[in-house]
Protein backbone atom coordinates (compact mmCIF):
# COMPACT_ATOMS: atom_id res chain seq x y z
CA MET A 1 118.92 107.13 100.03
CA SER A 2 120.71 104.13 100.01
CA LYS A 3 119.95 101.70 103.04
CA SER A 4 121.93 98.80 104.74
CA SER A 5 120.24 95.51 105.96
CA ILE A 6 122.42 96.10 109.20
CA ALA A 7 120.03 98.18 111.87
CA PHE A 8 121.68 101.65 112.42
CA SER A 9 123.13 101.28 116.21
CA GLY A 10 124.72 104.85 117.45
CA THR A 11 124.82 105.54 120.40
CA LYS A 12 123.92 108.77 122.43
CA ASP A 13 128.04 109.14 122.99
CA GLN A 14 128.52 109.09 119.51
CA GLU A 15 125.67 111.54 119.03
CA LYS A 16 127.17 113.76 121.77
CA GLN A 17 130.51 113.60 120.19
CA LEU A 18 129.44 114.22 116.74
CA LYS A 19 127.29 117.19 118.11
CA SER A 20 130.01 118.48 119.99
CA PHE A 21 132.39 118.68 116.60
CA ILE A 22 129.96 120.13 114.39
CA SER A 23 129.35 122.94 117.31
CA ALA A 24 132.82 123.76 117.50
CA HIS A 25 133.71 123.79 113.61
CA LYS A 26 130.25 125.20 112.03
CA SER A 27 131.24 128.59 111.57
CA ASP A 28 134.52 127.78 109.99
CA PRO A 29 134.58 128.32 106.01
CA GLY A 30 133.09 125.13 104.55
CA PRO A 31 133.04 122.85 107.08
CA LEU A 32 130.80 120.03 105.72
CA ILE A 33 133.20 117.70 104.29
CA MET A 34 135.57 118.18 107.48
CA ILE A 35 132.36 117.26 109.52
CA MET A 36 131.33 114.43 107.74
CA GLN A 37 134.61 112.99 107.50
CA GLU A 38 134.43 113.49 111.73
CA ALA A 39 131.41 111.94 111.53
CA GLN A 40 132.67 108.75 109.71
CA LYS A 41 135.44 108.35 112.17
CA ILE A 42 133.02 108.34 115.10
CA TYR A 43 130.17 105.83 113.41
CA GLY A 44 132.46 104.13 110.88
CA TYR A 45 129.66 105.44 108.25
CA LEU A 46 127.53 107.97 107.15
CA PRO A 47 124.13 106.33 107.40
CA GLU A 48 121.01 108.04 107.13
CA GLU A 49 120.59 108.83 110.69
CA VAL A 50 123.95 110.43 111.14
CA GLN A 51 123.57 112.46 107.67
CA ARG A 52 120.25 113.46 109.35
CA ILE A 53 121.55 115.00 112.23
CA ILE A 54 124.70 116.78 110.27
CA SER A 55 121.90 118.36 108.04
CA LYS A 56 119.81 119.71 111.19
CA GLU A 57 123.01 120.82 113.03
CA LEU A 58 124.40 123.20 109.88
CA ASN A 59 120.67 124.16 108.97
CA ILE A 60 121.46 122.66 105.34
CA PRO A 61 119.26 120.17 103.32
CA MET A 62 119.53 116.81 103.60
CA GLU A 63 119.80 116.77 99.83
CA LYS A 64 123.20 118.27 99.85
CA VAL A 65 124.97 116.11 102.47
CA TYR A 66 123.54 113.32 100.57
CA GLU A 67 125.27 114.60 97.54
CA VAL A 68 128.18 115.22 98.94
CA ALA A 69 128.38 111.66 100.88
CA THR A 70 127.23 109.89 97.70
CA PHE A 71 129.99 112.22 95.03
CA TYR A 72 133.31 111.26 97.07
CA ALA A 73 134.30 107.89 97.42
CA GLN A 74 136.04 108.10 100.63
CA PHE A 75 132.35 108.22 102.53
CA ASN A 76 130.60 105.06 103.03
CA LEU A 77 126.59 104.87 103.39
CA VAL A 78 126.76 101.44 104.50
CA PRO A 79 128.85 99.55 107.46
CA ARG A 80 132.14 98.32 106.77
CA GLY A 81 133.10 95.08 108.16
CA LYS A 82 136.72 94.58 110.16
CA TYR A 83 137.78 92.91 107.10
CA HIS A 84 136.96 94.91 103.74
CA ILE A 85 137.50 93.17 100.66
CA SER A 86 137.79 94.96 97.37
CA VAL A 87 137.94 92.93 94.40
CA CYS A 88 139.28 94.60 91.07
CA LEU A 89 137.14 94.66 88.21
CA GLY A 90 139.81 96.71 85.91
CA THR A 91 140.05 95.54 82.40
CA ALA A 92 143.63 93.01 83.21
CA CYS A 93 141.89 91.66 86.34
CA TYR A 94 138.52 91.09 84.70
CA VAL A 95 139.96 89.32 81.48
CA LYS A 96 141.86 87.01 84.10
CA GLY A 97 138.72 86.17 85.75
CA SER A 98 138.08 88.81 88.47
CA GLY A 99 134.56 88.62 87.96
CA LYS A 100 134.41 84.96 89.07
CA ILE A 101 136.69 86.02 92.20
CA LEU A 102 133.92 88.10 93.23
CA GLU A 103 131.27 85.47 92.60
CA ALA A 104 133.29 83.35 95.01
CA ILE A 105 133.65 85.75 97.65
CA GLU A 106 129.65 86.77 97.19
CA GLN A 107 128.79 83.04 97.91
CA GLN A 108 131.18 82.26 100.40
CA LEU A 109 130.19 85.28 102.58
CA LYS A 110 126.59 85.14 101.37
CA ILE A 111 126.54 89.03 100.73
CA LYS A 112 126.28 90.81 97.52
CA ASN A 113 128.84 93.47 96.14
CA GLY A 114 128.42 96.61 98.16
CA GLU A 115 127.00 94.84 101.51
CA CYS A 116 128.39 93.89 105.26
CA THR A 117 128.23 90.87 106.62
CA ALA A 118 125.49 91.01 109.74
CA ASP A 119 128.17 90.50 112.11
CA ARG A 120 130.00 93.13 110.47
CA LYS A 121 133.47 91.21 110.42
CA PHE A 122 133.55 91.39 106.20
CA SER A 123 132.45 93.67 103.68
CA LEU A 124 132.56 93.88 100.04
CA ASP A 125 133.04 95.93 97.11
CA SER A 126 134.64 96.11 93.34
CA CYS A 127 136.86 98.58 92.36
CA ARG A 128 138.36 99.59 89.02
CA CYS A 129 141.73 99.13 89.70
CA LEU A 130 144.15 98.23 92.85
CA GLY A 131 147.45 99.29 90.84
CA ALA A 132 148.79 95.53 90.38
CA CYS A 133 147.59 94.49 86.91
CA GLY A 134 150.99 92.38 87.07
CA LEU A 135 148.95 90.11 89.37
CA ALA A 136 146.04 90.13 87.78
CA PRO A 137 143.20 89.13 89.30
CA VAL A 138 143.69 90.84 92.47
CA MET A 139 141.49 91.48 95.55
CA LYS A 140 142.82 93.45 99.00
CA VAL A 141 141.96 92.50 102.41
CA ASN A 142 142.22 95.19 103.92
CA GLU A 143 146.03 96.57 103.13
CA GLU A 144 146.96 93.15 102.33
CA VAL A 145 147.13 92.56 98.44
CA TYR A 146 146.28 88.86 97.37
CA GLY A 147 146.96 88.01 93.47
CA LYS A 148 146.78 85.72 90.62
CA LEU A 149 143.23 84.41 92.12
CA THR A 150 141.22 81.59 91.31
CA PRO A 151 137.83 81.43 92.75
CA ASP A 152 139.16 77.81 94.43
CA MET A 153 141.87 80.29 96.61
CA VAL A 154 138.63 82.38 97.99
CA PRO A 155 137.67 79.57 101.05
CA LYS A 156 141.13 79.53 101.98
CA ILE A 157 141.98 83.11 101.93
CA LEU A 158 138.81 83.91 103.92
CA ALA A 159 139.73 81.29 106.22
CA GLU A 160 142.56 83.37 107.41
CA PHE A 161 140.30 85.96 108.89
CA LYS A 162 137.54 84.04 110.52
């Protein structure tokens, strides 16, 4: 199980909301993905604690919930920050130095690829292509695309969000 360094902080209200949704939909055909999507809307991600609720309420093995959560890219097992940074490591970006961009962000935020800052302000991941090869190397902060990057541009870009 993938563990976050950020402690789970779900509330009783969130749990009640999730259980109510499960109760209303568990007899639907193939409800697991829909329920997991709703759980992620409620909590922002699918930590082990939430997966266990889904497993218990649907009476399916925890392994099945985890399998689905790790198969589909739409699900997050660790919290995402208010500002989610995605660095392209596709071929065009990588040959133009996106690995150095990723390193610069990791150093600046003091987190690694796949992690979230303790204050949940920033999260970071890499991806294979953002579809902006002509602007390589590229990163996105939420939906804003930044291209033709150099490592020395990272502090200024991140400062826009602090």
